[in-house]
């Protein structure tokens, strides 16, 4: 249940960002749901491999290269046509989208986690 809620939160934020950022195009909300599922799968399988392959540059940049890895995953989802109805106009838009998506979803997850912690005690 927690996974589905996180997918829906990510989809809502991604769909909202597509209406604000002119370089991000998501056709429908269901496309955003599919996008969030694809990003979850890519983050699970592809991101660890990319982190290991780019470990030296990630260490040299004090972890800031992880933002580039996130942007590459978003750009890959767009350019490989894994999600029909999702398009990113360029790498810069993918970087901005991934930064804002990470920031906003982490803020929303944090509030949700705090609420769950209060219920436990």
PDB file of N, CA and C in Angstrom:
ATOM      1  N   UNK A   1       0.822  -1.193   0.000  1.00  0.00           N
ATOM      2  CA  UNK A   1       0.000   0.000   0.000  1.00  0.00           C
ATOM      3  C   UNK A   1       0.868   1.260   0.000  1.00  0.00           C
ATOM      4  N   UNK A   2       1.945   1.222   0.783  1.00  0.00           N
ATOM      5  CA  UNK A   2       2.853   2.360   0.859  1.00  0.00           C
ATOM      6  C   UNK A   2       3.488   2.637  -0.502  1.00  0.00           C
ATOM      7  N   UNK A   3       3.837   1.569  -1.242  1.00  0.00           N
ATOM      8  CA  UNK A   3       4.435   1.724  -2.565  1.00  0.00           C
ATOM      9  C   UNK A   3       3.464   2.411  -3.522  1.00  0.00           C
ATOM     10  N   UNK A   4       2.205   1.991  -3.504  1.00  0.00           N
ATOM     11  CA  UNK A   4       1.210   2.591  -4.397  1.00  0.00           C
ATOM     12  C   UNK A   4       0.982   4.059  -4.075  1.00  0.00           C
ATOM     13  N   UNK A   5       0.989   4.390  -2.795  1.00  0.00           N
ATOM     14  CA  UNK A   5       0.818   5.784  -2.405  1.00  0.00           C
ATOM     15  C   UNK A   5       1.992   6.632  -2.885  1.00  0.00           C
ATOM     16  N   UNK A   6       3.194   6.100  -2.789  1.00  0.00           N
ATOM     17  CA  UNK A   6       4.371   6.826  -3.266  1.00  0.00           C
ATOM     18  C   UNK A   6       4.336   7.004  -4.786  1.00  0.00           C
ATOM     19  N   UNK A   7       3.871   5.986  -5.494  1.00  0.00           N
ATOM     20  CA  UNK A   7       3.734   6.086  -6.949  1.00  0.00           C
ATOM     21  C   UNK A   7       2.733   7.183  -7.305  1.00  0.00           C
ATOM     22  N   UNK A   8       1.613   7.231  -6.597  1.00  0.00           N
ATOM     23  CA  UNK A   8       0.598   8.251  -6.872  1.00  0.00           C
ATOM     24  C   UNK A   8       1.099   9.656  -6.535  1.00  0.00           C
ATOM     25  N   UNK A   9       1.823   9.789  -5.433  1.00  0.00           N
ATOM     26  CA  UNK A   9       2.379  11.098  -5.073  1.00  0.00           C
ATOM     27  C   UNK A   9       3.370  11.558  -6.138  1.00  0.00           C
ATOM     28  N   UNK A  10       4.222  10.655  -6.580  1.00  0.00           N
ATOM     29  CA  UNK A  10       5.183  10.993  -7.626  1.00  0.00           C
ATOM     30  C   UNK A  10       4.470  11.365  -8.921  1.00  0.00           C
ATOM     31  N   UNK A  11       3.401  10.650  -9.239  1.00  0.00           N
ATOM     32  CA  UNK A  11       2.642  10.948 -10.458  1.00  0.00           C
ATOM     33  C   UNK A  11       1.999  12.328 -10.380  1.00  0.00           C
ATOM     34  N   UNK A  12       1.428  12.670  -9.242  1.00  0.00           N
ATOM     35  CA  UNK A  12       0.796  13.984  -9.081  1.00  0.00           C
ATOM     36  C   UNK A  12       1.832  15.092  -9.223  1.00  0.00           C
ATOM     37  N   UNK A  13       2.974  14.921  -8.576  1.00  0.00           N
ATOM     38  CA  UNK A  13       4.023  15.942  -8.651  1.00  0.00           C
ATOM     39  C   UNK A  13       4.569  16.050 -10.070  1.00  0.00           C
ATOM     40  N   UNK A  14       4.789  14.916 -10.735  1.00  0.00           N
ATOM     41  CA  UNK A  14       5.302  14.947 -12.113  1.00  0.00           C
ATOM     42  C   UNK A  14       4.307  15.625 -13.048  1.00  0.00           C
ATOM     43  N   UNK A  15       3.026  15.310 -12.891  1.00  0.00           N
ATOM     44  CA  UNK A  15       2.010  15.922 -13.751  1.00  0.00           C
ATOM     45  C   UNK A  15       1.924  17.424 -13.499  1.00  0.00           C
ATOM     46  N   UNK A  16       2.028  17.830 -12.243  1.00  0.00           N
ATOM     47  CA  UNK A  16       2.005  19.257 -11.917  1.00  0.00           C
ATOM     48  C   UNK A  16       3.236  19.961 -12.485  1.00  0.00           C
ATOM     49  N   UNK A  17       4.394  19.330 -12.389  1.00  0.00           N
ATOM     50  CA  UNK A  17       5.611  19.931 -12.937  1.00  0.00           C
ATOM     51  C   UNK A  17       5.540  20.063 -14.453  1.00  0.00           C
ATOM     52  N   UNK A  18       4.863  19.132 -15.115  1.00  0.00           N
ATOM     53  CA  UNK A  18       4.762  19.221 -16.574  1.00  0.00           C
ATOM     54  C   UNK A  18       3.908  20.410 -17.007  1.00  0.00           C
ATOM     55  N   UNK A  19       3.009  20.844 -16.137  1.00  0.00           N
ATOM     56  CA  UNK A  19       2.212  22.019 -16.497  1.00  0.00           C
ATOM     57  C   UNK A  19       2.968  23.313 -16.201  1.00  0.00           C
ATOM     58  N   UNK A  20       3.997  23.248 -15.355  1.00  0.00           N
ATOM     59  CA  UNK A  20       4.777  24.433 -15.000  1.00  0.00           C
ATOM     60  C   UNK A  20       6.022  24.571 -15.888  1.00  0.00           C
ATOM     61  N   UNK A  21       6.671  23.475 -16.174  1.00  0.00           N
ATOM     62  CA  UNK A  21       7.909  23.501 -16.958  1.00  0.00           C
ATOM     63  C   UNK A  21       7.589  23.314 -18.446  1.00  0.00           C
ATOM     64  N   UNK A  22       7.943  24.276 -19.281  1.00  0.00           N
ATOM     65  CA  UNK A  22       7.584  24.171 -20.702  1.00  0.00           C
ATOM     66  C   UNK A  22       8.361  23.096 -21.466  1.00  0.00           C
ATOM     67  N   UNK A  23       9.453  22.596 -20.940  1.00  0.00           N
ATOM     68  CA  UNK A  23      10.240  21.577 -21.629  1.00  0.00           C
ATOM     69  C   UNK A  23       9.862  20.157 -21.274  1.00  0.00           C
ATOM     70  N   UNK A  24       8.869  19.989 -20.409  1.00  0.00           N
ATOM     71  CA  UNK A  24       8.406  18.661 -19.982  1.00  0.00           C
ATOM     72  C   UNK A  24       6.983  18.478 -20.482  1.00  0.00           C
ATOM     73  N   UNK A  25       6.733  17.373 -21.169  1.00  0.00           N
ATOM     74  CA  UNK A  25       5.413  17.135 -21.752  1.00  0.00           C
ATOM     75  C   UNK A  25       4.873  15.784 -21.276  1.00  0.00           C
ATOM     76  N   UNK A  26       3.801  15.819 -20.498  1.00  0.00           N
ATOM     77  CA  UNK A  26       3.102  14.616 -20.064  1.00  0.00           C
ATOM     78  C   UNK A  26       1.652  14.785 -20.505  1.00  0.00           C
ATOM     79  N   UNK A  27       1.165  13.870 -21.339  1.00  0.00           N
ATOM     80  CA  UNK A  27      -0.158  14.029 -21.947  1.00  0.00           C
ATOM     81  C   UNK A  27      -1.303  13.941 -20.944  1.00  0.00           C
ATOM     82  N   UNK A  28      -1.346  12.876 -20.160  1.00  0.00           N
ATOM     83  CA  UNK A  28      -2.464  12.663 -19.242  1.00  0.00           C
ATOM     84  C   UNK A  28      -1.930  12.278 -17.866  1.00  0.00           C
ATOM     85  N   UNK A  29      -2.838  12.264 -16.896  1.00  0.00           N
ATOM     86  CA  UNK A  29      -2.435  11.838 -15.559  1.00  0.00           C
ATOM     87  C   UNK A  29      -2.018  10.370 -15.553  1.00  0.00           C
ATOM     88  N   UNK A  30      -2.685   9.545 -16.352  1.00  0.00           N
ATOM     89  CA  UNK A  30      -2.320   8.122 -16.392  1.00  0.00           C
ATOM     90  C   UNK A  30      -0.931   7.934 -16.980  1.00  0.00           C
ATOM     91  N   UNK A  31      -0.552   8.801 -17.885  1.00  0.00           N
ATOM     92  CA  UNK A  31       0.822   8.784 -18.391  1.00  0.00           C
ATOM     93  C   UNK A  31       1.790   9.090 -17.255  1.00  0.00           C
ATOM     94  N   UNK A  32       1.419  10.017 -16.376  1.00  0.00           N
ATOM     95  CA  UNK A  32       2.261  10.346 -15.225  1.00  0.00           C
ATOM     96  C   UNK A  32       2.365   9.162 -14.269  1.00  0.00           C
ATOM     97  N   UNK A  33       1.290   8.398 -14.114  1.00  0.00           N
ATOM     98  CA  UNK A  33       1.326   7.206 -13.253  1.00  0.00           C
ATOM     99  C   UNK A  33       2.277   6.168 -13.848  1.00  0.00           C
ATOM    100  N   UNK A  34       2.162   5.946 -15.156  1.00  0.00           N
ATOM    101  CA  UNK A  34       3.065   5.002 -15.821  1.00  0.00           C
ATOM    102  C   UNK A  34       4.506   5.501 -15.728  1.00  0.00           C
ATOM    103  N   UNK A  35       4.702   6.799 -15.897  1.00  0.00           N
ATOM    104  CA  UNK A  35       6.043   7.379 -15.769  1.00  0.00           C
ATOM    105  C   UNK A  35       6.616   7.127 -14.387  1.00  0.00           C
ATOM    106  N   UNK A  36       5.824   7.319 -13.357  1.00  0.00           N
ATOM    107  CA  UNK A  36       6.346   7.115 -12.004  1.00  0.00           C
ATOM    108  C   UNK A  36       6.677   5.643 -11.760  1.00  0.00           C
ATOM    109  N   UNK A  37       5.912   4.736 -12.345  1.00  0.00           N
ATOM    110  CA  UNK A  37       6.249   3.310 -12.239  1.00  0.00           C
ATOM    111  C   UNK A  37       7.548   2.990 -12.986  1.00  0.00           C
ATOM    112  N   UNK A  38       7.697   3.538 -14.185  1.00  0.00           N
ATOM    113  CA  UNK A  38       8.910   3.299 -14.970  1.00  0.00           C
ATOM    114  C   UNK A  38      10.128   3.893 -14.258  1.00  0.00           C
ATOM    115  N   UNK A  39       9.975   5.087 -13.704  1.00  0.00           N
ATOM    116  CA  UNK A  39      11.094   5.688 -12.967  1.00  0.00           C
ATOM    117  C   UNK A  39      11.459   4.863 -11.744  1.00  0.00           C
ATOM    118  N   UNK A  40      10.464   4.299 -11.077  1.00  0.00           N
ATOM    119  CA  UNK A  40      10.745   3.442  -9.919  1.00  0.00           C
ATOM    120  C   UNK A  40      11.531   2.202 -10.339  1.00  0.00           C
ATOM    121  N   UNK A  41      11.144   1.594 -11.441  1.00  0.00           N
ATOM    122  CA  UNK A  41      11.856   0.406 -11.938  1.00  0.00           C
ATOM    123  C   UNK A  41      13.276   0.769 -12.377  1.00  0.00           C
ATOM    124  N   UNK A  42      13.409   1.869 -13.110  1.00  0.00           N
ATOM    125  CA  UNK A  42      14.749   2.296 -13.554  1.00  0.00           C
ATOM    126  C   UNK A  42      15.630   2.658 -12.370  1.00  0.00           C
ATOM    127  N   UNK A  43      15.063   3.312 -11.369  1.00  0.00           N
ATOM    128  CA  UNK A  43      15.848   3.651 -10.176  1.00  0.00           C
ATOM    129  C   UNK A  43      16.264   2.406  -9.413  1.00  0.00           C
ATOM    130  N   UNK A  44      15.451   1.366  -9.465  1.00  0.00           N
ATOM    131  CA  UNK A  44      15.785   0.133  -8.751  1.00  0.00           C
ATOM    132  C   UNK A  44      16.875  -0.662  -9.468  1.00  0.00           C
ATOM    133  N   UNK A  45      16.791  -0.760 -10.803  1.00  0.00           N
ATOM    134  CA  UNK A  45      17.725  -1.598 -11.546  1.00  0.00           C
ATOM    135  C   UNK A  45      18.907  -0.836 -12.141  1.00  0.00           C
ATOM    136  N   UNK A  46      18.653   0.318 -12.728  1.00  0.00           N
ATOM    137  CA  UNK A  46      19.688   1.025 -13.476  1.00  0.00           C
ATOM    138  C   UNK A  46      20.535   1.956 -12.604  1.00  0.00           C
ATOM    139  N   UNK A  47      19.917   2.608 -11.653  1.00  0.00           N
ATOM    140  CA  UNK A  47      20.643   3.600 -10.850  1.00  0.00           C
ATOM    141  C   UNK A  47      21.825   3.011 -10.072  1.00  0.00           C
ATOM    142  N   UNK A  48      21.689   1.845  -9.422  1.00  0.00           N
ATOM    143  CA  UNK A  48      22.873   1.299  -8.728  1.00  0.00           C
ATOM    144  C   UNK A  48      24.043   1.021  -9.657  1.00  0.00           C
ATOM    145  N   UNK A  49      23.759   0.562 -10.863  1.00  0.00           N
ATOM    146  CA  UNK A  49      24.826   0.291 -11.835  1.00  0.00           C
ATOM    147  C   UNK A  49      25.515   1.589 -12.227  1.00  0.00           C
ATOM    148  N   UNK A  50      24.714   2.630 -12.496  1.00  0.00           N
ATOM    149  CA  UNK A  50      25.294   3.921 -12.860  1.00  0.00           C
ATOM    150  C   UNK A  50      26.101   4.528 -11.712  1.00  0.00           C
ATOM    151  N   UNK A  51      25.641   4.348 -10.497  1.00  0.00           N
ATOM    152  CA  UNK A  51      26.381   4.876  -9.345  1.00  0.00           C
ATOM    153  C   UNK A  51      27.734   4.185  -9.215  1.00  0.00           C
ATOM    154  N   UNK A  52      27.750   2.880  -9.389  1.00  0.00           N
ATOM    155  CA  UNK A  52      29.023   2.149  -9.282  1.00  0.00           C
ATOM    156  C   UNK A  52      29.971   2.546 -10.415  1.00  0.00           C
ATOM    157  N   UNK A  53      29.427   2.686 -11.639  1.00  0.00           N
ATOM    158  CA  UNK A  53      30.283   3.040 -12.784  1.00  0.00           C
ATOM    159  C   UNK A  53      30.839   4.458 -12.678  1.00  0.00           C
ATOM    160  N   UNK A  54      30.099   5.341 -12.028  1.00  0.00           N
ATOM    161  CA  UNK A  54      30.535   6.744 -11.936  1.00  0.00           C
ATOM    162  C   UNK A  54      31.006   7.109 -10.534  1.00  0.00           C
ATOM    163  N   UNK A  55      31.373   6.132  -9.755  1.00  0.00           N
ATOM    164  CA  UNK A  55      31.775   6.395  -8.372  1.00  0.00           C
ATOM    165  C   UNK A  55      32.931   7.387  -8.249  1.00  0.00           C
ATOM    166  N   UNK A  56      33.977   7.297  -9.061  1.00  0.00           N
ATOM    167  CA  UNK A  56      35.061   8.281  -8.904  1.00  0.00           C
ATOM    168  C   UNK A  56      34.612   9.729  -9.120  1.00  0.00           C
ATOM    169  N   UNK A  57      33.824   9.971 -10.160  1.00  0.00           N
ATOM    170  CA  UNK A  57      33.378  11.340 -10.411  1.00  0.00           C
ATOM    171  C   UNK A  57      32.362  11.789  -9.355  1.00  0.00           C
ATOM    172  N   UNK A  58      31.583  10.843  -8.843  1.00  0.00           N
ATOM    173  CA  UNK A  58      30.633  11.182  -7.779  1.00  0.00           C
ATOM    174  C   UNK A  58      31.369  11.597  -6.515  1.00  0.00           C
ATOM    175  N   UNK A  59      32.450  10.906  -6.206  1.00  0.00           N
ATOM    176  CA  UNK A  59      33.248  11.264  -5.030  1.00  0.00           C
ATOM    177  C   UNK A  59      33.921  12.617  -5.243  1.00  0.00           C
ATOM    178  N   UNK A  60      34.463  12.840  -6.437  1.00  0.00           N
ATOM    179  CA  UNK A  60      35.130  14.113  -6.726  1.00  0.00           C
ATOM    180  C   UNK A  60      34.174  15.308  -6.652  1.00  0.00           C
ATOM    181  N   UNK A  61      32.916  15.093  -7.000  1.00  0.00           N
ATOM    182  CA  UNK A  61      31.938  16.185  -6.971  1.00  0.00           C
ATOM    183  C   UNK A  61      31.133  16.199  -5.677  1.00  0.00           C
ATOM    184  N   UNK A  62      31.594  15.442  -4.689  1.00  0.00           N
ATOM    185  CA  UNK A  62      30.929  15.374  -3.385  1.00  0.00           C
ATOM    186  C   UNK A  62      29.463  14.958  -3.496  1.00  0.00           C
ATOM    187  N   UNK A  63      29.173  14.054  -4.424  1.00  0.00           N
ATOM    188  CA  UNK A  63      27.833  13.511  -4.583  1.00  0.00           C
ATOM    189  C   UNK A  63      26.927  14.286  -5.514  1.00  0.00           C
ATOM    190  N   UNK A  64      27.367  15.430  -5.998  1.00  0.00           N
ATOM    191  CA  UNK A  64      26.512  16.229  -6.876  1.00  0.00           C
ATOM    192  C   UNK A  64      26.264  15.558  -8.223  1.00  0.00           C
ATOM    193  N   UNK A  65      27.135  14.638  -8.609  1.00  0.00           N
ATOM    194  CA  UNK A  65      26.936  13.932  -9.868  1.00  0.00           C
ATOM    195  C   UNK A  65      25.709  13.030  -9.817  1.00  0.00           C
ATOM    196  N   UNK A  66      25.212  12.726  -8.624  1.00  0.00           N
ATOM    197  CA  UNK A  66      23.992  11.929  -8.500  1.00  0.00           C
ATOM    198  C   UNK A  66      22.800  12.649  -9.123  1.00  0.00           C
ATOM    199  N   UNK A  67      22.822  13.980  -9.120  1.00  0.00           N
ATOM    200  CA  UNK A  67      21.770  14.732  -9.800  1.00  0.00           C
ATOM    201  C   UNK A  67      21.809  14.474 -11.307  1.00  0.00           C
ATOM    202  N   UNK A  68      23.006  14.364 -11.845  1.00  0.00           N
ATOM    203  CA  UNK A  68      23.158  14.068 -13.268  1.00  0.00           C
ATOM    204  C   UNK A  68      22.657  12.664 -13.569  1.00  0.00           C
ATOM    205  N   UNK A  69      22.916  11.721 -12.669  1.00  0.00           N
ATOM    206  CA  UNK A  69      22.424  10.354 -12.856  1.00  0.00           C
ATOM    207  C   UNK A  69      20.894  10.336 -12.858  1.00  0.00           C
ATOM    208  N   UNK A  70      20.273  11.076 -11.939  1.00  0.00           N
ATOM    209  CA  UNK A  70      18.809  11.167 -11.920  1.00  0.00           C
ATOM    210  C   UNK A  70      18.282  11.757 -13.225  1.00  0.00           C
ATOM    211  N   UNK A  71      18.955  12.785 -13.726  1.00  0.00           N
ATOM    212  CA  UNK A  71      18.537  13.405 -14.986  1.00  0.00           C
ATOM    213  C   UNK A  71      18.704  12.434 -16.148  1.00  0.00           C
ATOM    214  N   UNK A  72      19.769  11.655 -16.140  1.00  0.00           N
ATOM    215  CA  UNK A  72      19.979  10.665 -17.197  1.00  0.00           C
ATOM    216  C   UNK A  72      18.868   9.616 -17.198  1.00  0.00           C
ATOM    217  N   UNK A  73      18.413   9.226 -16.024  1.00  0.00           N
ATOM    218  CA  UNK A  73      17.327   8.246 -15.938  1.00  0.00           C
ATOM    219  C   UNK A  73      16.033   8.834 -16.491  1.00  0.00           C
ATOM    220  N   UNK A  74      15.729  10.081 -16.148  1.00  0.00           N
ATOM    221  CA  UNK A  74      14.532  10.750 -16.684  1.00  0.00           C
ATOM    222  C   UNK A  74      14.656  10.895 -18.190  1.00  0.00           C
ATOM    223  N   UNK A  75      15.815  11.320 -18.650  1.00  0.00           N
ATOM    224  CA  UNK A  75      16.027  11.503 -20.077  1.00  0.00           C
ATOM    225  C   UNK A  75      15.938  10.184 -20.829  1.00  0.00           C
ATOM    226  N   UNK A  76      16.461   9.114 -20.225  1.00  0.00           N
ATOM    227  CA  UNK A  76      16.383   7.782 -20.826  1.00  0.00           C
ATOM    228  C   UNK A  76      14.930   7.336 -20.955  1.00  0.00           C
ATOM    229  N   UNK A  77      14.132   7.594 -19.927  1.00  0.00           N
ATOM    230  CA  UNK A  77      12.710   7.231 -19.981  1.00  0.00           C
ATOM    231  C   UNK A  77      12.007   7.972 -21.112  1.00  0.00           C
ATOM    232  N   UNK A  78      12.427   9.201 -21.361  1.00  0.00           N
ATOM    233  CA  UNK A  78      11.818   9.990 -22.421  1.00  0.00           C
ATOM    234  C   UNK A  78      12.305   9.564 -23.806  1.00  0.00           C
ATOM    235  N   UNK A  79      13.599   9.469 -23.972  1.00  0.00           N
ATOM    236  CA  UNK A  79      14.182   9.218 -25.288  1.00  0.00           C
ATOM    237  C   UNK A  79      14.041   7.780 -25.759  1.00  0.00           C
ATOM    238  N   UNK A  80      13.911   6.844 -24.845  1.00  0.00           N
ATOM    239  CA  UNK A  80      13.772   5.442 -25.243  1.00  0.00           C
ATOM    240  C   UNK A  80      12.317   5.080 -25.521  1.00  0.00           C
ATOM    241  N   UNK A  81      11.427   6.042 -25.343  1.00  0.00           N
ATOM    242  CA  UNK A  81       9.991   5.848 -25.580  1.00  0.00           C
ATOM    243  C   UNK A  81       9.410   4.736 -24.700  1.00  0.00           C
ATOM    244  N   UNK A  82       9.939   4.605 -23.491  1.00  0.00           N
ATOM    245  CA  UNK A  82       9.374   3.648 -22.540  1.00  0.00           C
ATOM    246  C   UNK A  82       7.976   4.068 -22.111  1.00  0.00           C
ATOM    247  N   UNK A  83       7.739   5.368 -22.074  1.00  0.00           N
ATOM    248  CA  UNK A  83       6.440   5.898 -21.670  1.00  0.00           C
ATOM    249  C   UNK A  83       5.890   6.728 -22.825  1.00  0.00           C
ATOM    250  N   UNK A  84       4.851   6.242 -23.433  1.00  0.00           N
ATOM    251  CA  UNK A  84       4.216   6.996 -24.520  1.00  0.00           C
ATOM    252  C   UNK A  84       3.469   8.176 -23.923  1.00  0.00           C
ATOM    253  N   UNK A  85       3.656   9.338 -24.521  1.00  0.00           N
ATOM    254  CA  UNK A  85       3.003  10.536 -24.021  1.00  0.00           C
ATOM    255  C   UNK A  85       3.875  11.334 -23.070  1.00  0.00           C
ATOM    256  N   UNK A  86       5.141  10.925 -22.919  1.00  0.00           N
ATOM    257  CA  UNK A  86       6.096  11.645 -22.076  1.00  0.00           C
ATOM    258  C   UNK A  86       7.280  12.035 -22.935  1.00  0.00           C
ATOM    259  N   UNK A  87       7.606  13.336 -22.910  1.00  0.00           N
ATOM    260  CA  UNK A  87       8.739  13.809 -23.701  1.00  0.00           C
ATOM    261  C   UNK A  87       9.446  14.933 -22.952  1.00  0.00           C
ATOM    262  N   UNK A  88      10.767  14.908 -23.009  1.00  0.00           N
ATOM    263  CA  UNK A  88      11.607  15.956 -22.425  1.00  0.00           C
ATOM    264  C   UNK A  88      12.354  16.612 -23.576  1.00  0.00           C
ATOM    265  N   UNK A  89      12.354  17.942 -23.610  1.00  0.00           N
ATOM    266  CA  UNK A  89      12.953  18.674 -24.721  1.00  0.00           C
ATOM    267  C   UNK A  89      14.480  18.651 -24.739  1.00  0.00           C
ATOM    268  N   UNK A  90      15.123  18.353 -23.639  1.00  0.00           N
ATOM    269  CA  UNK A  90      16.577  18.320 -23.619  1.00  0.00           C
ATOM    270  C   UNK A  90      17.094  17.891 -22.254  1.00  0.00           C
ATOM    271  N   UNK A  91      18.406  17.712 -22.184  1.00  0.00           N
ATOM    272  CA  UNK A  91      19.000  17.254 -20.939  1.00  0.00           C
ATOM    273  C   UNK A  91      18.829  18.283 -19.818  1.00  0.00           C
ATOM    274  N   UNK A  92      18.904  19.557 -20.139  1.00  0.00           N
ATOM    275  CA  UNK A  92      18.728  20.600 -19.125  1.00  0.00           C
ATOM    276  C   UNK A  92      17.350  20.532 -18.480  1.00  0.00           C
ATOM    277  N   UNK A  93      16.323  20.302 -19.306  1.00  0.00           N
ATOM    278  CA  UNK A  93      14.972  20.156 -18.760  1.00  0.00           C
ATOM    279  C   UNK A  93      14.865  18.888 -17.917  1.00  0.00           C
ATOM    280  N   UNK A  94      15.534  17.824 -18.333  1.00  0.00           N
ATOM    281  CA  UNK A  94      15.522  16.587 -17.537  1.00  0.00           C
ATOM    282  C   UNK A  94      16.189  16.816 -16.189  1.00  0.00           C
ATOM    283  N   UNK A  95      17.278  17.588 -16.176  1.00  0.00           N
ATOM    284  CA  UNK A  95      17.965  17.888 -14.926  1.00  0.00           C
ATOM    285  C   UNK A  95      17.078  18.717 -14.000  1.00  0.00           C
ATOM    286  N   UNK A  96      16.466  19.762 -14.536  1.00  0.00           N
ATOM    287  CA  UNK A  96      15.581  20.597 -13.723  1.00  0.00           C
ATOM    288  C   UNK A  96      14.373  19.800 -13.225  1.00  0.00           C
ATOM    289  N   UNK A  97      13.776  18.999 -14.101  1.00  0.00           N
ATOM    290  CA  UNK A  97      12.623  18.174 -13.730  1.00  0.00           C
ATOM    291  C   UNK A  97      12.991  17.188 -12.627  1.00  0.00           C
ATOM    292  N   UNK A  98      14.137  16.522 -12.767  1.00  0.00           N
ATOM    293  CA  UNK A  98      14.526  15.531 -11.760  1.00  0.00           C
ATOM    294  C   UNK A  98      14.851  16.193 -10.426  1.00  0.00           C
ATOM    295  N   UNK A  99      15.472  17.370 -10.463  1.00  0.00           N
ATOM    296  CA  UNK A  99      15.751  18.094  -9.215  1.00  0.00           C
ATOM    297  C   UNK A  99      14.462  18.482  -8.502  1.00  0.00           C
ATOM    298  N   UNK A 100      13.532  19.082  -9.237  1.00  0.00           N
ATOM    299  CA  UNK A 100      12.272  19.501  -8.625  1.00  0.00           C
ATOM    300  C   UNK A 100      11.425  18.308  -8.193  1.00  0.00           C
ATOM    301  N   UNK A 101      11.416  17.258  -8.996  1.00  0.00           N
ATOM    302  CA  UNK A 101      10.664  16.056  -8.636  1.00  0.00           C
ATOM    303  C   UNK A 101      11.220  15.439  -7.358  1.00  0.00           C
ATOM    304  N   UNK A 102      12.523  15.347  -7.260  1.00  0.00           N
ATOM    305  CA  UNK A 102      13.146  14.791  -6.048  1.00  0.00           C
ATOM    306  C   UNK A 102      12.854  15.654  -4.832  1.00  0.00           C
ATOM    307  N   UNK A 103      12.988  16.951  -4.979  1.00  0.00           N
ATOM    308  CA  UNK A 103      12.764  17.861  -3.867  1.00  0.00           C
ATOM    309  C   UNK A 103      11.315  17.811  -3.380  1.00  0.00           C
ATOM    310  N   UNK A 104      10.375  17.946  -4.294  1.00  0.00           N
ATOM    311  CA  UNK A 104       8.964  17.995  -3.903  1.00  0.00           C
ATOM    312  C   UNK A 104       8.461  16.663  -3.353  1.00  0.00           C
ATOM    313  N   UNK A 105       8.852  15.558  -3.984  1.00  0.00           N
ATOM    314  CA  UNK A 105       8.396  14.269  -3.467  1.00  0.00           C
ATOM    315  C   UNK A 105       9.017  13.957  -2.117  1.00  0.00           C
ATOM    316  N   UNK A 106      10.265  14.329  -1.918  1.00  0.00           N
ATOM    317  CA  UNK A 106      10.875  14.074  -0.607  1.00  0.00           C
ATOM    318  C   UNK A 106      10.200  14.899   0.480  1.00  0.00           C
ATOM    319  N   UNK A 107       9.792  16.130   0.161  1.00  0.00           N
ATOM    320  CA  UNK A 107       9.045  16.933   1.137  1.00  0.00           C
ATOM    321  C   UNK A 107       7.699  16.292   1.458  1.00  0.00           C
ATOM    322  N   UNK A 108       7.010  15.804   0.449  1.00  0.00           N
ATOM    323  CA  UNK A 108       5.710  15.173   0.676  1.00  0.00           C
ATOM    324  C   UNK A 108       5.849  13.839   1.400  1.00  0.00           C
ATOM    325  N   UNK A 109       6.864  13.054   1.070  1.00  0.00           N
ATOM    326  CA  UNK A 109       7.085  11.791   1.765  1.00  0.00           C
ATOM    327  C   UNK A 109       7.436  12.032   3.224  1.00  0.00           C
ATOM    328  N   UNK A 110       8.218  13.068   3.475  1.00  0.00           N
ATOM    329  CA  UNK A 110       8.625  13.377   4.850  1.00  0.00           C
ATOM    330  C   UNK A 110       7.407  13.703   5.705  1.00  0.00           C
ATOM    331  N   UNK A 111       6.479  14.498   5.168  1.00  0.00           N
ATOM    332  CA  UNK A 111       5.266  14.818   5.907  1.00  0.00           C
ATOM    333  C   UNK A 111       4.431  13.578   6.154  1.00  0.00           C
ATOM    334  N   UNK A 112       4.349  12.692   5.162  1.00  0.00           N
ATOM    335  CA  UNK A 112       3.590  11.455   5.307  1.00  0.00           C
ATOM    336  C   UNK A 112       4.243  10.548   6.342  1.00  0.00           C
ATOM    337  N   UNK A 113       5.575  10.466   6.332  1.00  0.00           N
ATOM    338  CA  UNK A 113       6.285   9.630   7.303  1.00  0.00           C
ATOM    339  C   UNK A 113       6.119  10.158   8.722  1.00  0.00           C
ATOM    340  N   UNK A 114       6.112  11.469   8.887  1.00  0.00           N
ATOM    341  CA  UNK A 114       5.889  12.058  10.208  1.00  0.00           C
ATOM    342  C   UNK A 114       4.499  11.715  10.726  1.00  0.00           C
ATOM    343  N   UNK A 115       3.524  11.771   9.843  1.00  0.00           N
ATOM    344  CA  UNK A 115       2.150  11.462  10.244  1.00  0.00           C
ATOM    345  C   UNK A 115       2.027  10.003  10.673  1.00  0.00           C
ATOM    346  N   UNK A 116       2.672   9.102   9.939  1.00  0.00           N
ATOM    347  CA  UNK A 116       2.642   7.688  10.310  1.00  0.00           C
ATOM    348  C   UNK A 116       3.345   7.450  11.639  1.00  0.00           C
ATOM    349  N   UNK A 117       4.423   8.180  11.889  1.00  0.00           N
ATOM    350  CA  UNK A 117       5.142   8.025  13.148  1.00  0.00           C
ATOM    351  C   UNK A 117       4.290   8.487  14.327  1.00  0.00           C
ATOM    352  N   UNK A 118       3.536   9.554  14.144  1.00  0.00           N
ATOM    353  CA  UNK A 118       2.645  10.035  15.202  1.00  0.00           C
ATOM    354  C   UNK A 118       1.562   9.032  15.524  1.00  0.00           C
ATOM    355  N   UNK A 119       1.066   8.329  14.527  1.00  0.00           N
ATOM    356  CA  UNK A 119       0.017   7.327  14.744  1.00  0.00           C
ATOM    357  C   UNK A 119       0.537   6.145  15.556  1.00  0.00           C
ATOM    358  N   UNK A 120       1.795   5.821  15.389  1.00  0.00           N
ATOM    359  CA  UNK A 120       2.362   4.676  16.111  1.00  0.00           C
ATOM    360  C   UNK A 120       2.454   4.929  17.603  1.00  0.00           C
ATOM    361  N   UNK A 121       2.688   6.166  18.006  1.00  0.00           N
ATOM    362  CA  UNK A 121       2.929   6.445  19.424  1.00  0.00           C
ATOM    363  C   UNK A 121       1.803   7.142  20.067  1.00  0.00           C
TER     364      UNK A 121
END
